[in-house]
Amino acid sequence: QVQLVESGGGLVQAGGSLRLSCAASGRPFNSWTMGWFRQAPGKEREFVAAINWSAGSTSYSDSIKGRFTISRDNAKNTQYLQMNSLKPEDTAVYYCAARWGATSSVAGGYRYWGQGTQVTVSS
């Protein structure tokens, strides 16, 4: 079983930065992808970014591209989302997710999910 635990959320002012972390435990035996999704109240869960664990290939949503950076530390079995130039529109619960195979922007394509961490950006 794979378990994902997010951390690093908080309250920041517009223009500020946060770094989210997602620690993974379990035994994935195939090449897999980890990513981030976010969901604001009353809105659908949307793709943010993803990274292929072995190759390091990344994929980003157009809404955050250039501001957020996804990375991973294989030794720590942890992925990160560095969020810069945060906007109030970025306010949401951010979820870590994982799947086997290539990067994907479709939430339904991810098998494992963390509990989420709240990111609030004030104006």
C-alpha atoms as a PDB file:
ATOM      1  CA  GLN A   1       0.000   0.000   0.000  1.00  0.00           C
ATOM      2  CA  VAL A   2       1.147   3.502  -0.809  1.00  0.00           C
ATOM      3  CA  GLN A   3       0.471   6.323   1.616  1.00  0.00           C
ATOM      4  CA  LEU A   4       1.023  10.001   0.933  1.00  0.00           C
ATOM      5  CA  VAL A   5       1.321  12.744   3.540  1.00  0.00           C
ATOM      6  CA  GLU A   6       1.389  16.424   2.594  1.00  0.00           C
ATOM      7  CA  SER A   7       2.806  19.280   4.607  1.00  0.00           C
ATOM      8  CA  GLY A   8       3.870  22.883   4.175  1.00  0.00           C
ATOM      9  CA  GLY A   9       0.576  24.645   3.647  1.00  0.00           C
ATOM     10  CA  GLY A  10      -0.267  27.872   5.377  1.00  0.00           C
ATOM     11  CA  LEU A  11      -1.357  31.469   5.077  1.00  0.00           C
ATOM     12  CA  VAL A  12       0.681  33.866   2.975  1.00  0.00           C
ATOM     13  CA  GLN A  13       0.197  37.240   1.375  1.00  0.00           C
ATOM     14  CA  ALA A  14      -0.121  37.649  -2.350  1.00  0.00           C
ATOM     15  CA  GLY A  15       3.293  37.544  -3.943  1.00  0.00           C
ATOM     16  CA  GLY A  16       4.684  35.295  -1.249  1.00  0.00           C
ATOM     17  CA  SER A  17       6.004  31.764  -1.429  1.00  0.00           C
ATOM     18  CA  LEU A  18       5.376  28.368   0.089  1.00  0.00           C
ATOM     19  CA  ARG A  19       6.920  24.971  -0.388  1.00  0.00           C
ATOM     20  CA  LEU A  20       4.698  21.937  -0.107  1.00  0.00           C
ATOM     21  CA  SER A  21       6.093  18.509   0.641  1.00  0.00           C
ATOM     22  CA  CYS A  22       4.640  15.072   0.098  1.00  0.00           C
ATOM     23  CA  ALA A  23       6.268  12.081   1.724  1.00  0.00           C
ATOM     24  CA  ALA A  24       5.450   8.699   0.255  1.00  0.00           C
ATOM     25  CA  SER A  25       5.572   5.346   1.956  1.00  0.00           C
ATOM     26  CA  GLY A  26       4.848   1.904   0.587  1.00  0.00           C
ATOM     27  CA  ARG A  27       6.259  -0.293  -2.116  1.00  0.00           C
ATOM     28  CA  PRO A  28       5.655   0.890  -5.652  1.00  0.00           C
ATOM     29  CA  PHE A  29       7.284  -1.678  -7.911  1.00  0.00           C
ATOM     30  CA  ASN A  30       6.795   0.068 -11.225  1.00  0.00           C
ATOM     31  CA  SER A  31       7.790   3.411 -12.645  1.00  0.00           C
ATOM     32  CA  TRP A  32       5.331   5.941 -11.302  1.00  0.00           C
ATOM     33  CA  THR A  33       4.285   9.555 -11.302  1.00  0.00           C
ATOM     34  CA  MET A  34       3.569  11.854  -8.394  1.00  0.00           C
ATOM     35  CA  GLY A  35       1.669  15.068  -8.716  1.00  0.00           C
ATOM     36  CA  TRP A  36      -0.329  17.853  -7.151  1.00  0.00           C
ATOM     37  CA  PHE A  37      -3.968  18.788  -7.500  1.00  0.00           C
ATOM     38  CA  ARG A  38      -5.901  21.539  -5.791  1.00  0.00           C
ATOM     39  CA  GLN A  39      -9.508  22.176  -4.956  1.00  0.00           C
ATOM     40  CA  ALA A  40     -11.145  25.408  -3.871  1.00  0.00           C
ATOM     41  CA  PRO A  41     -14.595  25.538  -2.251  1.00  0.00           C
ATOM     42  CA  GLY A  42     -17.314  25.061  -4.822  1.00  0.00           C
ATOM     43  CA  LYS A  43     -14.877  24.206  -7.579  1.00  0.00           C
ATOM     44  CA  GLU A  44     -13.682  21.011  -9.187  1.00  0.00           C
ATOM     45  CA  ARG A  45     -10.367  19.495  -8.361  1.00  0.00           C
ATOM     46  CA  GLU A  46      -7.809  20.739 -10.848  1.00  0.00           C
ATOM     47  CA  PHE A  47      -4.416  19.606 -11.943  1.00  0.00           C
ATOM     48  CA  VAL A  48      -1.399  21.595 -10.806  1.00  0.00           C
ATOM     49  CA  ALA A  49       1.778  19.700 -11.645  1.00  0.00           C
ATOM     50  CA  ALA A  50       3.238  16.220 -11.919  1.00  0.00           C
ATOM     51  CA  ILE A  51       6.631  14.587 -12.090  1.00  0.00           C
ATOM     52  CA  ASN A  52       7.725  11.185 -13.292  1.00  0.00           C
ATOM     53  CA  TRP A  53       9.588   9.661 -10.415  1.00  0.00           C
ATOM     54  CA  SER A  54      12.357   7.912 -12.292  1.00  0.00           C
ATOM     55  CA  ALA A  55      12.958  10.238 -15.228  1.00  0.00           C
ATOM     56  CA  GLY A  56      12.158  13.546 -13.582  1.00  0.00           C
ATOM     57  CA  SER A  57       9.988  14.691 -16.479  1.00  0.00           C
ATOM     58  CA  THR A  58       7.487  17.320 -15.394  1.00  0.00           C
ATOM     59  CA  SER A  59       4.110  18.614 -16.449  1.00  0.00           C
ATOM     60  CA  TYR A  60       2.407  21.839 -15.361  1.00  0.00           C
ATOM     61  CA  SER A  61      -0.960  23.462 -15.573  1.00  0.00           C
ATOM     62  CA  ASP A  62      -0.933  26.627 -17.650  1.00  0.00           C
ATOM     63  CA  SER A  63      -2.399  28.555 -14.738  1.00  0.00           C
ATOM     64  CA  ILE A  64       0.695  28.079 -12.589  1.00  0.00           C
ATOM     65  CA  LYS A  65       3.442  27.470 -15.105  1.00  0.00           C
ATOM     66  CA  GLY A  66       6.345  29.810 -14.481  1.00  0.00           C
ATOM     67  CA  ARG A  67       5.396  30.312 -10.842  1.00  0.00           C
ATOM     68  CA  PHE A  68       5.413  26.793  -9.398  1.00  0.00           C
ATOM     69  CA  THR A  69       8.124  24.168  -9.623  1.00  0.00           C
ATOM     70  CA  ILE A  70       7.723  20.479  -8.876  1.00  0.00           C
ATOM     71  CA  SER A  71      10.674  18.362  -7.835  1.00  0.00           C
ATOM     72  CA  ARG A  72      11.486  15.154  -6.027  1.00  0.00           C
ATOM     73  CA  ASP A  73      14.101  13.712  -3.717  1.00  0.00           C
ATOM     74  CA  ASN A  74      14.450  10.018  -4.419  1.00  0.00           C
ATOM     75  CA  ALA A  75      16.466   9.351  -1.280  1.00  0.00           C
ATOM     76  CA  LYS A  76      13.742  10.855   0.903  1.00  0.00           C
ATOM     77  CA  ASN A  77      10.913   9.452  -1.195  1.00  0.00           C
ATOM     78  CA  THR A  78       9.438  12.924  -1.159  1.00  0.00           C
ATOM     79  CA  GLN A  79       8.144  15.333  -3.753  1.00  0.00           C
ATOM     80  CA  TYR A  80       7.940  19.089  -3.440  1.00  0.00           C
ATOM     81  CA  LEU A  81       5.952  21.912  -4.915  1.00  0.00           C
ATOM     82  CA  GLN A  82       7.703  25.255  -4.704  1.00  0.00           C
ATOM     83  CA  MET A  83       5.078  27.950  -5.084  1.00  0.00           C
ATOM     84  CA  ASN A  84       6.218  31.474  -5.833  1.00  0.00           C
ATOM     85  CA  SER A  85       4.352  34.656  -6.708  1.00  0.00           C
ATOM     86  CA  LEU A  86       1.254  33.297  -5.070  1.00  0.00           C
ATOM     87  CA  LYS A  87      -2.101  34.795  -5.955  1.00  0.00           C
ATOM     88  CA  PRO A  88      -5.414  34.753  -4.085  1.00  0.00           C
ATOM     89  CA  GLU A  89      -6.687  32.497  -6.868  1.00  0.00           C
ATOM     90  CA  ASP A  90      -4.203  29.867  -5.688  1.00  0.00           C
ATOM     91  CA  THR A  91      -6.121  29.470  -2.436  1.00  0.00           C
ATOM     92  CA  ALA A  92      -7.211  25.852  -2.185  1.00  0.00           C
ATOM     93  CA  VAL A  93      -6.593  22.544  -0.526  1.00  0.00           C
ATOM     94  CA  TYR A  94      -3.612  20.999  -2.237  1.00  0.00           C
ATOM     95  CA  TYR A  95      -3.507  17.243  -2.631  1.00  0.00           C
ATOM     96  CA  CYS A  96      -0.580  14.993  -3.341  1.00  0.00           C
ATOM     97  CA  ALA A  97      -1.340  12.135  -5.696  1.00  0.00           C
ATOM     98  CA  ALA A  98       0.461   9.197  -7.259  1.00  0.00           C
ATOM     99  CA  ARG A  99      -0.062   6.797 -10.121  1.00  0.00           C
ATOM    100  CA  TRP A 100       1.867   4.268 -12.118  1.00  0.00           C
ATOM    101  CA  GLY A 101       2.845   5.296 -15.599  1.00  0.00           C
ATOM    102  CA  ALA A 102       3.408   8.597 -17.331  1.00  0.00           C
ATOM    103  CA  THR A 103       2.462  12.027 -16.054  1.00  0.00           C
ATOM    104  CA  SER A 104      -1.221  12.818 -16.305  1.00  0.00           C
ATOM    105  CA  SER A 105      -3.424  15.847 -15.685  1.00  0.00           C
ATOM    106  CA  VAL A 106      -6.519  13.733 -15.032  1.00  0.00           C
ATOM    107  CA  ALA A 107      -7.401  13.264 -11.379  1.00  0.00           C
ATOM    108  CA  GLY A 108      -9.119   9.973 -12.096  1.00  0.00           C
ATOM    109  CA  GLY A 109      -5.855   8.597 -13.379  1.00  0.00           C
ATOM    110  CA  TYR A 110      -4.247   8.752  -9.955  1.00  0.00           C
ATOM    111  CA  ARG A 111      -4.654   5.846  -7.608  1.00  0.00           C
ATOM    112  CA  TYR A 112      -3.251   7.218  -4.355  1.00  0.00           C
ATOM    113  CA  TRP A 113      -4.067  10.469  -2.601  1.00  0.00           C
ATOM    114  CA  GLY A 114      -2.942  12.344   0.453  1.00  0.00           C
ATOM    115  CA  GLN A 115      -5.223  14.102   2.909  1.00  0.00           C
ATOM    116  CA  GLY A 116      -4.509  17.569   1.593  1.00  0.00           C
ATOM    117  CA  THR A 117      -2.915  20.699   2.977  1.00  0.00           C
ATOM    118  CA  GLN A 118      -4.551  24.111   3.024  1.00  0.00           C
ATOM    119  CA  VAL A 119      -2.961  26.996   1.164  1.00  0.00           C
ATOM    120  CA  THR A 120      -4.503  30.407   1.715  1.00  0.00           C
ATOM    121  CA  VAL A 121      -3.272  33.486  -0.107  1.00  0.00           C
ATOM    122  CA  SER A 122      -4.502  36.815   1.183  1.00  0.00           C
ATOM    123  CA  SER A 123      -4.611  40.062  -0.741  1.00  0.00           C
END
